[in-house]
Amino acid sequence: MILAYLTLPPGKTRADGPFRIVLMPHGGPEARDDASYDWLAQAVACAGYAVLQPNFRGSAGYGSDFRDAGYGEFGGKMVLDVIDGATKLIEEGIGASDGHCAMGWSYGGYSALMTALLDADRTKCAISINGVTDPFELIYTGPVSLAYWEQYLGDIYKTPKDQKSAITPRDRVSEYRAPLLLIHGKEDTTVTYYQSSMFARSAPRAELVAIEGDDHGLFNSASRKK
């Protein structure tokens, strides 16, 4: 069972559906969404969309077995859990069946890009904010230890190259059919700006918006407004 948070447009109920869906997986990946205020989810819902924030396997807060179920599934079942959320909303009449968007931050941005690959027929756009496009490069440039990442990615020295490429959006740019938007703070030291800039350089369907003078959290209100 995957717990998820659903935010509907202001003044709307489930009976007013179906709504356009925006899937919004969290970052981390060992983190979680909760019922506290989320400015991005609120902004998207206010634009008329139904926002689904699933705490996919590997998330924190549900015990070690649930977290460990994400190990080795960085670009696999953790992403499929998010996609299953869209299917669930459609089955319940809440979500429109003719396509959705995926949008996320950090690992969530990576998940959004992978959703556009793994659910290509239904994903009409993907938005990555300070997102990961090459998780194996992040091992060497990010602040988190190699041991942590290998739990989710597997042994980086023994994993075959084709298996690495399968979960690396930057290696699969030619496969994207949906338009992509990448937003990235140029001072990001958690996931470097290079992750998005190099992806956008070779992805014909990607647009990159650089946020000057801001970091991984985009804490500046002007950055968030942009």
C-alpha atoms as a PDB file:
ATOM      1  CA  MET A   1       0.000   0.000   0.000  1.00  0.00           C
ATOM      2  CA  ILE A   2       1.285   3.429  -0.975  1.00  0.00           C
ATOM      3  CA  LEU A   3       0.036   6.415   1.034  1.00  0.00           C
ATOM      4  CA  ALA A   4      -0.330   9.569  -1.039  1.00  0.00           C
ATOM      5  CA  TYR A   5      -1.534  13.118  -0.541  1.00  0.00           C
ATOM      6  CA  LEU A   6      -4.087  14.509  -2.978  1.00  0.00           C
ATOM      7  CA  THR A   7      -4.559  18.257  -3.367  1.00  0.00           C
ATOM      8  CA  LEU A   8      -7.520  19.436  -5.442  1.00  0.00           C
ATOM      9  CA  PRO A   9      -8.121  22.918  -6.897  1.00  0.00           C
ATOM     10  CA  PRO A  10      -9.635  25.401  -4.429  1.00  0.00           C
ATOM     11  CA  GLY A  11     -13.319  24.825  -3.760  1.00  0.00           C
ATOM     12  CA  LYS A  12     -13.374  21.510  -5.612  1.00  0.00           C
ATOM     13  CA  THR A  13     -14.174  18.008  -4.380  1.00  0.00           C
ATOM     14  CA  ARG A  14     -13.589  14.573  -5.891  1.00  0.00           C
ATOM     15  CA  ALA A  15     -17.116  14.733  -7.314  1.00  0.00           C
ATOM     16  CA  ASP A  16     -16.010  17.615  -9.555  1.00  0.00           C
ATOM     17  CA  GLY A  17     -13.508  15.377 -11.357  1.00  0.00           C
ATOM     18  CA  PRO A  18     -11.975  14.199 -13.475  1.00  0.00           C
ATOM     19  CA  PHE A  19      -9.121  16.694 -13.166  1.00  0.00           C
ATOM     20  CA  ARG A  20      -5.852  16.998 -15.029  1.00  0.00           C
ATOM     21  CA  ILE A  21      -3.270  15.177 -12.919  1.00  0.00           C
ATOM     22  CA  VAL A  22       0.153  16.413 -11.881  1.00  0.00           C
ATOM     23  CA  LEU A  23       2.215  13.674 -10.254  1.00  0.00           C
ATOM     24  CA  MET A  24       4.620  15.236  -7.749  1.00  0.00           C
ATOM     25  CA  PRO A  25       7.046  12.723  -6.196  1.00  0.00           C
ATOM     26  CA  HIS A  26       9.214  13.977  -3.337  1.00  0.00           C
ATOM     27  CA  GLY A  27      12.987  14.257  -3.227  1.00  0.00           C
ATOM     28  CA  GLY A  28      15.417  12.356  -1.069  1.00  0.00           C
ATOM     29  CA  PRO A  29      14.666   9.699  -2.033  1.00  0.00           C
ATOM     30  CA  GLU A  30      14.651   8.664   1.642  1.00  0.00           C
ATOM     31  CA  ALA A  31      12.262  11.415   2.657  1.00  0.00           C
ATOM     32  CA  ARG A  32       8.478  11.733   2.602  1.00  0.00           C
ATOM     33  CA  ASP A  33       5.616  14.098   1.980  1.00  0.00           C
ATOM     34  CA  ASP A  34       3.167  14.904   4.771  1.00  0.00           C
ATOM     35  CA  ALA A  35       0.072  17.011   5.308  1.00  0.00           C
ATOM     36  CA  SER A  36       1.942  20.224   6.073  1.00  0.00           C
ATOM     37  CA  TYR A  37       1.857  23.208   3.723  1.00  0.00           C
ATOM     38  CA  ASP A  38       3.613  22.645   0.398  1.00  0.00           C
ATOM     39  CA  TRP A  39       3.876  25.853  -1.599  1.00  0.00           C
ATOM     40  CA  LEU A  40       4.539  24.101  -4.912  1.00  0.00           C
ATOM     41  CA  ALA A  41       1.646  21.662  -4.605  1.00  0.00           C
ATOM     42  CA  GLN A  42      -0.643  24.535  -3.613  1.00  0.00           C
ATOM     43  CA  ALA A  43       0.478  26.691  -6.540  1.00  0.00           C
ATOM     44  CA  VAL A  44      -0.141  23.889  -9.036  1.00  0.00           C
ATOM     45  CA  ALA A  45      -3.533  23.038  -7.512  1.00  0.00           C
ATOM     46  CA  CYS A  46      -4.529  26.700  -7.667  1.00  0.00           C
ATOM     47  CA  ALA A  47      -3.863  26.529 -11.414  1.00  0.00           C
ATOM     48  CA  GLY A  48      -6.631  23.934 -11.653  1.00  0.00           C
ATOM     49  CA  TYR A  49      -4.783  20.625 -11.404  1.00  0.00           C
ATOM     50  CA  ALA A  50      -5.138  17.644  -9.083  1.00  0.00           C
ATOM     51  CA  VAL A  51      -1.750  17.108  -7.425  1.00  0.00           C
ATOM     52  CA  LEU A  52      -0.785  13.650  -6.206  1.00  0.00           C
ATOM     53  CA  GLN A  53       2.211  13.281  -3.882  1.00  0.00           C
ATOM     54  CA  PRO A  54       2.860   9.552  -3.350  1.00  0.00           C
ATOM     55  CA  ASN A  55       5.199   8.245  -0.666  1.00  0.00           C
ATOM     56  CA  PHE A  56       6.615   5.547  -2.919  1.00  0.00           C
ATOM     57  CA  ARG A  57       8.578   2.558  -1.594  1.00  0.00           C
ATOM     58  CA  GLY A  58      11.932   3.710  -0.240  1.00  0.00           C
ATOM     59  CA  SER A  59      10.323   6.675   1.536  1.00  0.00           C
ATOM     60  CA  ALA A  60      10.969   7.388   5.201  1.00  0.00           C
ATOM     61  CA  GLY A  61       8.340   7.191   7.929  1.00  0.00           C
ATOM     62  CA  TYR A  62       6.850   3.752   7.309  1.00  0.00           C
ATOM     63  CA  GLY A  63       9.446   1.502   8.874  1.00  0.00           C
ATOM     64  CA  SER A  64      12.679  -0.072   7.698  1.00  0.00           C
ATOM     65  CA  ASP A  65      11.036  -2.768   5.547  1.00  0.00           C
ATOM     66  CA  PHE A  66       9.190  -0.145   3.495  1.00  0.00           C
ATOM     67  CA  ARG A  67      12.341   1.931   3.138  1.00  0.00           C
ATOM     68  CA  ASP A  68      14.444  -1.092   2.220  1.00  0.00           C
ATOM     69  CA  ALA A  69      11.921  -2.049  -0.471  1.00  0.00           C
ATOM     70  CA  GLY A  70      13.324   0.882  -2.424  1.00  0.00           C
ATOM     71  CA  TYR A  71      16.877  -0.401  -2.383  1.00  0.00           C
ATOM     72  CA  GLY A  72      17.965  -1.209  -5.902  1.00  0.00           C
ATOM     73  CA  GLU A  73      14.807   0.428  -7.301  1.00  0.00           C
ATOM     74  CA  PHE A  74      16.037   4.010  -7.797  1.00  0.00           C
ATOM     75  CA  GLY A  75      14.817   4.140 -11.395  1.00  0.00           C
ATOM     76  CA  GLY A  76      12.481   1.153 -11.254  1.00  0.00           C
ATOM     77  CA  LYS A  77       9.712   0.303  -8.804  1.00  0.00           C
ATOM     78  CA  MET A  78      10.070   3.611  -6.936  1.00  0.00           C
ATOM     79  CA  VAL A  79       9.057   5.344 -10.177  1.00  0.00           C
ATOM     80  CA  LEU A  80       6.402   2.757 -11.032  1.00  0.00           C
ATOM     81  CA  ASP A  81       4.748   3.440  -7.666  1.00  0.00           C
ATOM     82  CA  VAL A  82       4.298   7.057  -8.775  1.00  0.00           C
ATOM     83  CA  ILE A  83       2.864   5.999 -12.130  1.00  0.00           C
ATOM     84  CA  ASP A  84       0.472   3.622 -10.344  1.00  0.00           C
ATOM     85  CA  GLY A  85      -0.863   6.661  -8.497  1.00  0.00           C
ATOM     86  CA  ALA A  86      -2.098   8.143 -11.769  1.00  0.00           C
ATOM     87  CA  THR A  87      -3.791   4.871 -12.667  1.00  0.00           C
ATOM     88  CA  LYS A  88      -5.520   4.826  -9.282  1.00  0.00           C
ATOM     89  CA  LEU A  89      -6.875   8.361  -9.718  1.00  0.00           C
ATOM     90  CA  ILE A  90      -8.190   7.499 -13.168  1.00  0.00           C
ATOM     91  CA  GLU A  91      -9.904   4.362 -11.857  1.00  0.00           C
ATOM     92  CA  GLU A  92     -11.608   6.413  -9.144  1.00  0.00           C
ATOM     93  CA  GLY A  93     -12.801   9.062 -11.609  1.00  0.00           C
ATOM     94  CA  ILE A  94     -10.640  11.758 -10.033  1.00  0.00           C
ATOM     95  CA  GLY A  95      -8.037  11.962 -12.778  1.00  0.00           C
ATOM     96  CA  ALA A  96      -8.461  12.534 -16.491  1.00  0.00           C
ATOM     97  CA  SER A  97      -7.536   9.496 -18.544  1.00  0.00           C
ATOM     98  CA  ASP A  98      -6.035  11.277 -21.536  1.00  0.00           C
ATOM     99  CA  GLY A  99      -2.674  12.162 -20.005  1.00  0.00           C
ATOM    100  CA  HIS A 100      -0.882  13.707 -17.070  1.00  0.00           C
ATOM    101  CA  CYS A 101       2.242  15.640 -16.147  1.00  0.00           C
ATOM    102  CA  ALA A 102       5.053  14.595 -13.799  1.00  0.00           C
ATOM    103  CA  MET A 103       6.816  17.247 -11.734  1.00  0.00           C
ATOM    104  CA  GLY A 104       9.344  16.982  -8.939  1.00  0.00           C
ATOM    105  CA  TRP A 105      12.285  18.365  -7.041  1.00  0.00           C
ATOM    106  CA  SER A 106      15.733  16.768  -6.722  1.00  0.00           C
ATOM    107  CA  TYR A 107      15.084  12.999  -6.767  1.00  0.00           C
ATOM    108  CA  GLY A 108      11.493  13.946  -7.570  1.00  0.00           C
ATOM    109  CA  GLY A 109      12.768  15.704 -10.688  1.00  0.00           C
ATOM    110  CA  TYR A 110      14.605  12.539 -11.644  1.00  0.00           C
ATOM    111  CA  SER A 111      11.424  10.539 -11.026  1.00  0.00           C
ATOM    112  CA  ALA A 112       9.483  12.931 -13.264  1.00  0.00           C
ATOM    113  CA  LEU A 113      12.000  12.439 -16.079  1.00  0.00           C
ATOM    114  CA  MET A 114      11.859   8.666 -15.641  1.00  0.00           C
ATOM    115  CA  THR A 115       8.050   8.774 -15.631  1.00  0.00           C
ATOM    116  CA  ALA A 116       8.198  10.367 -19.077  1.00  0.00           C
ATOM    117  CA  LEU A 117      10.176   7.312 -20.222  1.00  0.00           C
ATOM    118  CA  LEU A 118       8.378   4.523 -18.371  1.00  0.00           C
ATOM    119  CA  ASP A 119       4.875   5.912 -18.960  1.00  0.00           C
ATOM    120  CA  ALA A 120       5.536   7.594 -22.299  1.00  0.00           C
ATOM    121  CA  ASP A 121       2.064   7.062 -23.752  1.00  0.00           C
ATOM    122  CA  ARG A 122       0.313   8.935 -20.931  1.00  0.00           C
ATOM    123  CA  THR A 123       2.916  11.491 -19.823  1.00  0.00           C
ATOM    124  CA  LYS A 124       2.283  14.730 -21.693  1.00  0.00           C
ATOM    125  CA  CYS A 125       5.049  16.751 -20.037  1.00  0.00           C
ATOM    126  CA  ALA A 126       7.686  16.466 -17.311  1.00  0.00           C
ATOM    127  CA  ILE A 127       9.151  19.171 -15.095  1.00  0.00           C
ATOM    128  CA  SER A 128      12.407  18.668 -13.192  1.00  0.00           C
ATOM    129  CA  ILE A 129      13.413  21.213 -10.533  1.00  0.00           C
ATOM    130  CA  ASN A 130      17.031  20.927  -9.395  1.00  0.00           C
ATOM    131  CA  GLY A 131      16.699  17.362 -10.609  1.00  0.00           C
ATOM    132  CA  VAL A 132      19.080  14.472 -11.127  1.00  0.00           C
ATOM    133  CA  THR A 133      19.724  13.468 -14.739  1.00  0.00           C
ATOM    134  CA  ASP A 134      22.741  11.216 -14.101  1.00  0.00           C
ATOM    135  CA  PRO A 135      22.548   9.480 -10.708  1.00  0.00           C
ATOM    136  CA  PHE A 136      25.946   7.838 -11.134  1.00  0.00           C
ATOM    137  CA  GLU A 137      27.644  11.194 -11.593  1.00  0.00           C
ATOM    138  CA  LEU A 138      25.837  12.456  -8.486  1.00  0.00           C
ATOM    139  CA  ILE A 139      27.721   9.869  -6.450  1.00  0.00           C
ATOM    140  CA  TYR A 140      30.923  11.807  -7.043  1.00  0.00           C
ATOM    141  CA  THR A 141      29.620  15.384  -6.939  1.00  0.00           C
ATOM    142  CA  GLY A 142      26.912  15.310  -4.254  1.00  0.00           C
ATOM    143  CA  PRO A 143      27.288  15.603  -0.471  1.00  0.00           C
ATOM    144  CA  VAL A 144      25.916  12.122   0.350  1.00  0.00           C
ATOM    145  CA  SER A 145      28.164   9.091   0.832  1.00  0.00           C
ATOM    146  CA  LEU A 146      28.778   6.399  -1.775  1.00  0.00           C
ATOM    147  CA  ALA A 147      27.428   3.759   0.618  1.00  0.00           C
ATOM    148  CA  TYR A 148      24.081   5.546   0.811  1.00  0.00           C
ATOM    149  CA  TRP A 149      23.639   5.782  -2.955  1.00  0.00           C
ATOM    150  CA  GLU A 150      24.709   2.209  -3.581  1.00  0.00           C
ATOM    151  CA  GLN A 151      21.813   1.001  -1.451  1.00  0.00           C
ATOM    152  CA  TYR A 152      19.423   2.485  -4.005  1.00  0.00           C
ATOM    153  CA  LEU A 153      21.535   2.171  -7.158  1.00  0.00           C
ATOM    154  CA  GLY A 154      23.475  -1.037  -6.595  1.00  0.00           C
ATOM    155  CA  ASP A 155      27.225  -1.629  -6.820  1.00  0.00           C
ATOM    156  CA  ILE A 156      28.455   1.071  -9.194  1.00  0.00           C
ATOM    157  CA  TYR A 157      31.508  -0.988 -10.157  1.00  0.00           C
ATOM    158  CA  LYS A 158      29.734  -4.270 -10.871  1.00  0.00           C
ATOM    159  CA  THR A 159      26.504  -3.032 -12.448  1.00  0.00           C
ATOM    160  CA  PRO A 160      26.651  -3.474 -16.257  1.00  0.00           C
ATOM    161  CA  LYS A 161      26.762  -0.311 -18.333  1.00  0.00           C
ATOM    162  CA  ASP A 162      23.448  -1.022 -20.050  1.00  0.00           C
ATOM    163  CA  GLN A 163      21.693  -1.353 -16.687  1.00  0.00           C
ATOM    164  CA  LYS A 164      23.155   1.975 -15.599  1.00  0.00           C
ATOM    165  CA  SER A 165      22.031   3.667 -18.817  1.00  0.00           C
ATOM    166  CA  ALA A 166      18.509   2.281 -18.382  1.00  0.00           C
ATOM    167  CA  ILE A 167      18.052   4.427 -15.244  1.00  0.00           C
ATOM    168  CA  THR A 168      20.035   7.442 -16.470  1.00  0.00           C
ATOM    169  CA  PRO A 169      17.841  10.040 -18.211  1.00  0.00           C
ATOM    170  CA  ARG A 170      20.869  11.766 -19.731  1.00  0.00           C
ATOM    171  CA  ASP A 171      21.728   8.556 -21.585  1.00  0.00           C
ATOM    172  CA  ARG A 172      18.183   8.291 -22.973  1.00  0.00           C
ATOM    173  CA  VAL A 173      17.541  11.811 -24.276  1.00  0.00           C
ATOM    174  CA  SER A 174      16.706  10.542 -27.762  1.00  0.00           C
ATOM    175  CA  GLU A 175      13.762   8.539 -26.389  1.00  0.00           C
ATOM    176  CA  TYR A 176      11.774  11.455 -24.966  1.00  0.00           C
ATOM    177  CA  ARG A 177       8.508  12.228 -26.711  1.00  0.00           C
ATOM    178  CA  ALA A 178       6.986  14.658 -24.197  1.00  0.00           C
ATOM    179  CA  PRO A 179       8.234  18.241 -23.798  1.00  0.00           C
ATOM    180  CA  LEU A 180      10.495  18.728 -20.795  1.00  0.00           C
ATOM    181  CA  LEU A 181      11.111  21.732 -18.558  1.00  0.00           C
ATOM    182  CA  LEU A 182      14.184  21.844 -16.351  1.00  0.00           C
ATOM    183  CA  ILE A 183      14.538  24.511 -13.656  1.00  0.00           C
ATOM    184  CA  HIS A 184      17.807  24.678 -11.745  1.00  0.00           C
ATOM    185  CA  GLY A 185      19.490  26.964  -9.219  1.00  0.00           C
ATOM    186  CA  LYS A 186      22.957  27.840 -10.469  1.00  0.00           C
ATOM    187  CA  GLU A 187      24.389  27.764  -6.929  1.00  0.00           C
ATOM    188  CA  ASP A 188      23.017  24.308  -6.149  1.00  0.00           C
ATOM    189  CA  THR A 189      25.678  22.257  -4.353  1.00  0.00           C
ATOM    190  CA  THR A 190      23.470  19.228  -3.658  1.00  0.00           C
ATOM    191  CA  VAL A 191      22.587  18.481  -7.282  1.00  0.00           C
ATOM    192  CA  THR A 192      24.835  20.641  -9.429  1.00  0.00           C
ATOM    193  CA  TYR A 193      23.506  22.869 -12.195  1.00  0.00           C
ATOM    194  CA  TYR A 194      25.632  20.793 -14.567  1.00  0.00           C
ATOM    195  CA  GLN A 195      23.139  17.922 -14.168  1.00  0.00           C
ATOM    196  CA  SER A 196      20.431  19.940 -15.909  1.00  0.00           C
ATOM    197  CA  SER A 197      22.573  21.998 -18.280  1.00  0.00           C
ATOM    198  CA  MET A 198      24.263  18.974 -19.851  1.00  0.00           C
ATOM    199  CA  PHE A 199      20.937  17.175 -20.215  1.00  0.00           C
ATOM    200  CA  ALA A 200      19.272  20.176 -21.862  1.00  0.00           C
ATOM    201  CA  ARG A 201      22.196  20.604 -24.244  1.00  0.00           C
ATOM    202  CA  SER A 202      21.553  17.229 -25.842  1.00  0.00           C
ATOM    203  CA  ALA A 203      17.773  16.842 -25.354  1.00  0.00           C
ATOM    204  CA  PRO A 204      15.886  18.423 -28.266  1.00  0.00           C
ATOM    205  CA  ARG A 205      12.578  18.580 -26.355  1.00  0.00           C
ATOM    206  CA  ALA A 206      13.988  20.181 -23.190  1.00  0.00           C
ATOM    207  CA  GLU A 207      13.918  23.805 -22.092  1.00  0.00           C
ATOM    208  CA  LEU A 208      16.192  24.936 -19.254  1.00  0.00           C
ATOM    209  CA  VAL A 209      15.448  27.854 -16.925  1.00  0.00           C
ATOM    210  CA  ALA A 210      18.492  28.856 -14.880  1.00  0.00           C
ATOM    211  CA  ILE A 211      17.833  30.466 -11.507  1.00  0.00           C
ATOM    212  CA  GLU A 212      20.649  32.877 -10.741  1.00  0.00           C
ATOM    213  CA  GLY A 213      22.028  33.151  -7.212  1.00  0.00           C
ATOM    214  CA  ASP A 214      19.941  30.409  -5.606  1.00  0.00           C
ATOM    215  CA  ASP A 215      20.620  26.904  -4.383  1.00  0.00           C
ATOM    216  CA  HIS A 216      18.982  23.492  -4.069  1.00  0.00           C
ATOM    217  CA  GLY A 217      15.967  24.669  -2.075  1.00  0.00           C
ATOM    218  CA  LEU A 218      15.234  27.800  -4.126  1.00  0.00           C
ATOM    219  CA  PHE A 219      14.569  29.551  -0.833  1.00  0.00           C
ATOM    220  CA  ASN A 220      14.414  33.022  -2.370  1.00  0.00           C
ATOM    221  CA  SER A 221      10.803  34.045  -2.938  1.00  0.00           C
ATOM    222  CA  ALA A 222      11.757  35.767  -6.224  1.00  0.00           C
ATOM    223  CA  SER A 223      13.191  32.457  -7.467  1.00  0.00           C
ATOM    224  CA  ARG A 224      10.009  30.633  -6.568  1.00  0.00           C
ATOM    225  CA  LYS A 225       7.863  33.238  -8.261  1.00  0.00           C
ATOM    226  CA  LYS A 226       9.971  32.942 -11.435  1.00  0.00           C
END
